[in-house]
Amino acid sequence: MTIRLVLAGCGNMGYAMLSGWLKSGKLAPAAVFVVEPNADLRKRAEALGCSAAADAGGIPADVVPALVVIAVKPQVIRDVTTAYQRFNDGRTTFVSIAAGTPVATFEGILGNRAPIVRCMPNTPAAIGKGMMVVFSNRLVSDDTKRLVADLLSASGEVTDIDDEGLMDAVTAVSGSGPAYIFHFIEALTVAAEKAGLPTKTARLLAMQTVYGAASLAAESGEDPGVLRQQVTSPNGTTAAALAVLMGEERLTNLLTEAVEAARLRSIELGK
């Protein structure tokens, strides 16, 4: 089978995406070539049936992939991407999942003929529950946009934006967002312990409640505000708690401040 995709980097996120593509049947192992300098990580890819090499020089000379997916840390983007300049004639689309690295960086390395897609995933992509947001430069065809979205859907939900400047907001909401939820679980666990529950029970109640509520919100199709109202009886226990959280829009204001801090930091890092 012709190699359709080259995966540059098979660390945690790269391996999670690769596993998703293969398990979903979106790609066959023989259609993927993995480039990974770490021998142990390279062996993981080979165990899935993919061909692999330690560097881009190991890619067969006659291979012209439809996609090169760059799944490495931002600090090594320039060195890694330079090794793939042989594919910059317009026939190959480059997909980056590196946080804070704009399309212009890749255009500066690859030239003005390379179609480039920038993707911001988040960590739940590792279990197929991620949120992927993509921005494409003007050279990416509609067919390729659909191909990329289909592949990314193996890792969760996919949406696109037309203004790359919004990627800083995306980073602040869905990129960093899982950490906010993890901290909420931590805080709810502490509150449960202070209410008298054993630590193990407190942790289970906090975690499963967040998981169940998020699943219900995702699957019911109802507005979250409607779901909140359905749980809240007048003058009941939930109403008493929400009076604390929603009084003077306390929680909304706190999250807005947190997201803005993350957005501004993303802008700083991008410079």
Protein backbone atom coordinates (compact mmCIF):
# COMPACT_ATOMS: atom_id res chain seq x y z
CA MET A 1 0.00 0.00 0.00
CA THR A 2 1.23 3.51 -0.81
CA ILE A 3 2.30 5.54 2.21
CA ARG A 4 -0.30 8.27 2.63
CA LEU A 5 0.86 9.86 5.87
CA VAL A 6 4.18 10.55 7.56
CA LEU A 7 4.00 11.08 11.33
CA ALA A 8 6.91 13.12 12.65
CA GLY A 9 7.04 12.37 16.35
CA CYS A 10 5.49 9.45 18.18
CA GLY A 11 5.42 10.69 21.76
CA ASN A 12 2.27 10.66 23.88
CA MET A 13 0.08 12.75 21.58
CA GLY A 14 1.51 11.39 18.33
CA TYR A 15 1.10 7.81 19.50
CA ALA A 16 -2.45 8.48 20.74
CA MET A 17 -3.41 9.93 17.36
CA LEU A 18 -1.74 7.07 15.49
CA SER A 19 -3.55 4.49 17.63
CA GLY A 20 -6.85 6.24 16.96
CA TRP A 21 -6.33 6.25 13.19
CA LEU A 22 -5.50 2.55 13.14
CA LYS A 23 -8.20 1.39 15.57
CA SER A 24 -10.89 3.35 13.74
CA GLY A 25 -9.81 1.94 10.39
CA LYS A 26 -9.22 5.41 8.99
CA LEU A 27 -5.71 4.35 8.04
CA ALA A 28 -4.03 0.97 7.62
CA PRO A 29 -0.62 0.49 9.29
CA ALA A 30 1.06 0.14 5.90
CA ALA A 31 -0.19 3.61 4.92
CA VAL A 32 1.73 5.31 7.76
CA PHE A 33 5.46 5.98 8.06
CA VAL A 34 6.64 7.11 11.50
CA VAL A 35 9.76 9.18 12.12
CA GLU A 36 10.84 9.03 15.77
CA PRO A 37 14.44 9.34 17.06
CA ASN A 38 13.67 7.63 20.39
CA ALA A 39 14.16 3.89 19.85
CA ASP A 40 11.59 2.80 22.45
CA LEU A 41 8.91 5.09 21.03
CA ARG A 42 9.79 3.98 17.51
CA LYS A 43 9.31 0.34 18.51
CA ARG A 44 5.78 1.17 19.74
CA ALA A 45 4.89 2.38 16.27
CA GLU A 46 6.48 -0.66 14.64
CA ALA A 47 4.51 -2.92 16.99
CA LEU A 48 1.35 -1.43 15.47
CA GLY A 49 2.54 -2.52 12.03
CA CYS A 50 3.88 0.82 10.79
CA SER A 51 7.21 1.38 9.07
CA ALA A 52 9.50 3.68 11.04
CA ALA A 53 12.85 5.41 10.97
CA ALA A 54 14.97 7.48 13.35
CA ASP A 55 15.01 10.52 11.06
CA ALA A 56 13.39 11.88 7.92
CA GLY A 57 16.25 10.56 5.82
CA GLY A 58 14.85 7.08 6.38
CA ILE A 59 11.69 7.82 4.40
CA PRO A 60 11.91 5.99 1.04
CA ALA A 61 12.95 8.33 -1.77
CA ASP A 62 9.88 7.58 -3.90
CA VAL A 63 7.37 8.44 -1.13
CA VAL A 64 5.23 11.56 -1.61
CA PRO A 65 2.70 11.48 1.27
CA ALA A 66 -0.63 13.25 1.20
CA LEU A 67 0.05 14.45 4.76
CA VAL A 68 3.01 15.08 7.02
CA VAL A 69 1.81 15.41 10.62
CA ILE A 70 4.24 17.33 12.84
CA ALA A 71 3.72 16.07 16.41
CA VAL A 72 6.77 17.38 18.26
CA LYS A 73 7.39 20.02 20.94
CA PRO A 74 7.33 23.67 19.79
CA GLN A 75 10.99 24.24 20.69
CA VAL A 76 12.20 21.73 18.05
CA ILE A 77 9.70 22.66 15.33
CA ARG A 78 12.20 24.47 13.13
CA ASP A 79 14.81 21.71 13.15
CA VAL A 80 12.23 18.97 12.60
CA THR A 81 10.25 20.73 9.86
CA THR A 82 13.39 21.64 7.92
CA ALA A 83 14.02 17.93 7.41
CA TYR A 84 10.79 17.70 5.40
CA GLN A 85 11.49 20.47 2.89
CA ARG A 86 11.64 17.86 0.11
CA PHE A 87 7.83 17.66 0.35
CA ASN A 88 7.20 21.40 -0.06
CA ASP A 89 6.17 21.33 -3.73
CA GLY A 90 2.44 21.58 -2.97
CA ARG A 91 1.55 17.90 -3.25
CA THR A 92 1.89 17.29 0.51
CA THR A 93 -0.12 19.06 3.23
CA PHE A 94 1.60 19.70 6.55
CA VAL A 95 -0.46 19.34 9.74
CA SER A 96 1.01 20.74 12.97
CA ILE A 97 -0.27 20.03 16.48
CA ALA A 98 2.44 22.15 18.13
CA ALA A 99 0.97 24.66 20.58
CA GLY A 100 1.68 28.33 19.96
CA THR A 101 3.38 27.82 16.59
CA PRO A 102 1.71 29.93 13.87
CA VAL A 103 1.28 28.94 10.24
CA ALA A 104 3.72 31.70 9.28
CA THR A 105 6.52 29.78 11.02
CA PHE A 106 5.96 26.79 8.75
CA GLU A 107 5.59 28.99 5.66
CA GLY A 108 8.93 30.55 6.52
CA ILE A 109 10.55 27.11 6.61
CA LEU A 110 8.70 25.39 3.78
CA GLY A 111 8.12 28.24 1.36
CA ASN A 112 4.96 29.62 -0.22
CA ARG A 113 3.77 26.48 -1.99
CA ALA A 114 3.12 24.29 1.06
CA PRO A 115 -0.47 23.72 2.23
CA ILE A 116 -0.43 23.97 6.03
CA VAL A 117 -3.00 23.08 8.70
CA ARG A 118 -2.52 24.19 12.28
CA CYS A 119 -4.35 22.09 14.86
CA MET A 120 -4.87 22.74 18.57
CA PRO A 121 -5.79 19.45 20.30
CA ASN A 122 -6.17 18.78 24.01
CA THR A 123 -5.14 15.90 26.24
CA PRO A 124 -8.47 13.99 26.18
CA ALA A 125 -7.59 13.25 22.55
CA ALA A 126 -5.48 10.45 24.03
CA ILE A 127 -8.71 8.55 24.81
CA GLY A 128 -10.69 9.69 21.77
CA LYS A 129 -12.52 12.43 23.72
CA GLY A 130 -10.49 15.42 22.62
CA MET A 131 -11.36 18.78 21.11
CA MET A 132 -9.42 19.63 17.94
CA VAL A 133 -9.59 23.10 16.41
CA VAL A 134 -7.96 23.68 13.01
CA PHE A 135 -6.89 26.64 10.91
CA SER A 136 -5.75 26.18 7.30
CA ASN A 137 -3.76 28.44 5.04
CA ARG A 138 -5.16 29.38 1.63
CA LEU A 139 -3.38 26.52 -0.14
CA VAL A 140 -5.27 23.72 1.63
CA SER A 141 -7.95 22.30 -0.65
CA ASP A 142 -11.48 21.53 0.50
CA ASP A 143 -10.84 17.82 -0.09
CA THR A 144 -7.76 17.93 2.10
CA LYS A 145 -9.65 19.84 4.81
CA ARG A 146 -12.21 17.03 4.84
CA LEU A 147 -9.46 14.38 4.94
CA VAL A 148 -7.74 16.07 7.89
CA ALA A 149 -11.02 16.54 9.76
CA ASP A 150 -11.89 12.87 9.21
CA LEU A 151 -8.54 11.72 10.59
CA LEU A 152 -8.70 14.04 13.57
CA SER A 153 -12.22 12.87 14.38
CA ALA A 154 -10.70 9.59 15.57
CA SER A 155 -9.43 11.62 18.54
CA GLY A 156 -12.65 13.49 19.33
CA GLU A 157 -14.61 16.48 18.09
CA VAL A 158 -13.24 18.70 15.31
CA THR A 159 -14.08 22.26 14.34
CA ASP A 160 -12.35 24.93 12.26
CA ILE A 161 -11.77 28.67 12.50
CA ASP A 162 -11.08 31.20 9.74
CA ASP A 163 -9.06 33.64 11.87
CA GLU A 164 -5.78 32.23 13.16
CA GLY A 165 -5.67 35.00 15.76
CA LEU A 166 -8.43 33.15 17.60
CA MET A 167 -6.06 30.27 18.30
CA ASP A 168 -4.93 32.04 21.48
CA ALA A 169 -8.53 31.96 22.73
CA VAL A 170 -8.84 28.33 21.63
CA THR A 171 -5.70 27.51 23.61
CA ALA A 172 -7.11 29.27 26.68
CA VAL A 173 -10.46 27.45 26.52
CA SER A 174 -10.04 23.92 25.17
CA GLY A 175 -6.25 23.58 25.15
CA SER A 176 -5.79 24.53 28.80
CA GLY A 177 -9.38 23.73 29.77
CA PRO A 178 -8.85 20.14 30.89
CA ALA A 179 -6.58 21.44 33.67
CA TYR A 180 -9.41 23.69 34.88
CA ILE A 181 -11.73 20.68 35.07
CA PHE A 182 -9.11 18.57 36.83
CA HIS A 183 -8.72 21.33 39.40
CA PHE A 184 -12.50 21.54 39.80
CA ILE A 185 -12.50 17.81 40.61
CA GLU A 186 -9.72 18.41 43.13
CA ALA A 187 -11.66 21.27 44.73
CA LEU A 188 -14.93 19.34 44.85
CA THR A 189 -13.08 16.42 46.44
CA VAL A 190 -11.70 18.68 49.17
CA ALA A 191 -15.16 20.15 49.76
CA ALA A 192 -16.60 16.63 50.04
CA GLU A 193 -13.93 15.65 52.56
CA LYS A 194 -14.66 18.74 54.63
CA ALA A 195 -18.32 17.73 54.57
CA GLY A 196 -17.29 14.48 56.29
CA LEU A 197 -16.88 11.99 53.43
CA PRO A 198 -13.89 9.59 53.36
CA THR A 199 -11.21 10.58 50.84
CA LYS A 200 -11.81 7.62 48.51
CA THR A 201 -15.56 8.21 48.44
CA ALA A 202 -15.10 11.97 48.05
CA ARG A 203 -12.84 11.49 45.05
CA LEU A 204 -15.21 9.02 43.41
CA LEU A 205 -18.24 11.27 43.91
CA ALA A 206 -16.42 14.32 42.54
CA MET A 207 -14.96 12.57 39.51
CA GLN A 208 -18.06 10.61 38.49
CA THR A 209 -20.32 13.62 39.00
CA VAL A 210 -18.22 15.75 36.64
CA TYR A 211 -17.96 12.91 34.11
CA GLY A 212 -21.68 12.14 34.24
CA ALA A 213 -22.76 15.78 34.03
CA ALA A 214 -20.44 16.47 31.08
CA SER A 215 -21.66 13.34 29.30
CA LEU A 216 -25.30 14.32 29.85
CA ALA A 217 -24.62 17.83 28.56
CA ALA A 218 -22.90 16.42 25.45
CA GLU A 219 -25.49 13.75 24.68
CA SER A 220 -28.79 15.37 25.64
CA GLY A 221 -28.64 18.22 23.16
CA GLU A 222 -30.06 20.53 25.84
CA ASP A 223 -28.58 23.90 26.68
CA PRO A 224 -26.47 23.58 29.87
CA GLY A 225 -28.55 26.33 31.46
CA VAL A 226 -31.70 24.26 30.92
CA LEU A 227 -30.03 21.20 32.46
CA ARG A 228 -28.98 23.29 35.44
CA GLN A 229 -32.53 24.51 35.95
CA GLN A 230 -33.86 20.94 35.76
CA VAL A 231 -31.65 19.95 38.69
CA THR A 232 -32.47 23.04 40.75
CA SER A 233 -35.61 22.91 42.89
CA PRO A 234 -36.81 26.27 44.30
CA ASN A 235 -35.31 26.85 47.74
CA GLY A 236 -33.67 23.42 47.61
CA THR A 237 -30.13 22.24 48.29
CA THR A 238 -28.88 22.89 44.74
CA ALA A 239 -30.33 26.40 44.79
CA ALA A 240 -28.47 27.11 48.03
CA ALA A 241 -25.17 26.02 46.49
CA LEU A 242 -25.76 27.90 43.23
CA ALA A 243 -26.47 31.08 45.18
CA VAL A 244 -22.84 30.90 46.29
CA LEU A 245 -21.40 30.02 42.87
CA MET A 246 -23.61 32.31 40.80
CA GLY A 247 -23.97 35.23 43.22
CA GLU A 248 -22.60 38.31 41.48
CA GLU A 249 -21.63 35.90 38.65
CA ARG A 250 -18.74 34.76 40.86
CA LEU A 251 -17.80 31.60 38.99
CA THR A 252 -18.39 33.13 35.54
CA ASN A 253 -16.18 36.10 36.38
CA LEU A 254 -13.46 33.86 37.81
CA LEU A 255 -13.37 31.64 34.71
CA THR A 256 -13.43 34.66 32.41
CA GLU A 257 -10.41 36.05 34.26
CA ALA A 258 -8.64 32.69 34.07
CA VAL A 259 -9.27 32.28 30.33
CA GLU A 260 -8.07 35.82 29.64
CA ALA A 261 -4.87 35.18 31.60
CA ALA A 262 -4.24 32.04 29.54
CA ARG A 263 -5.04 33.85 26.28
CA LEU A 264 -2.59 36.66 27.02
CA ARG A 265 0.10 34.17 28.00
CA SER A 266 -0.48 32.30 24.72
CA ILE A 267 0.06 35.55 22.83
CA GLU A 268 3.31 36.15 24.73
CA LEU A 269 4.59 32.65 24.00
CA GLY A 270 3.69 33.01 20.33
CA LYS A 271 6.05 35.97 20.07
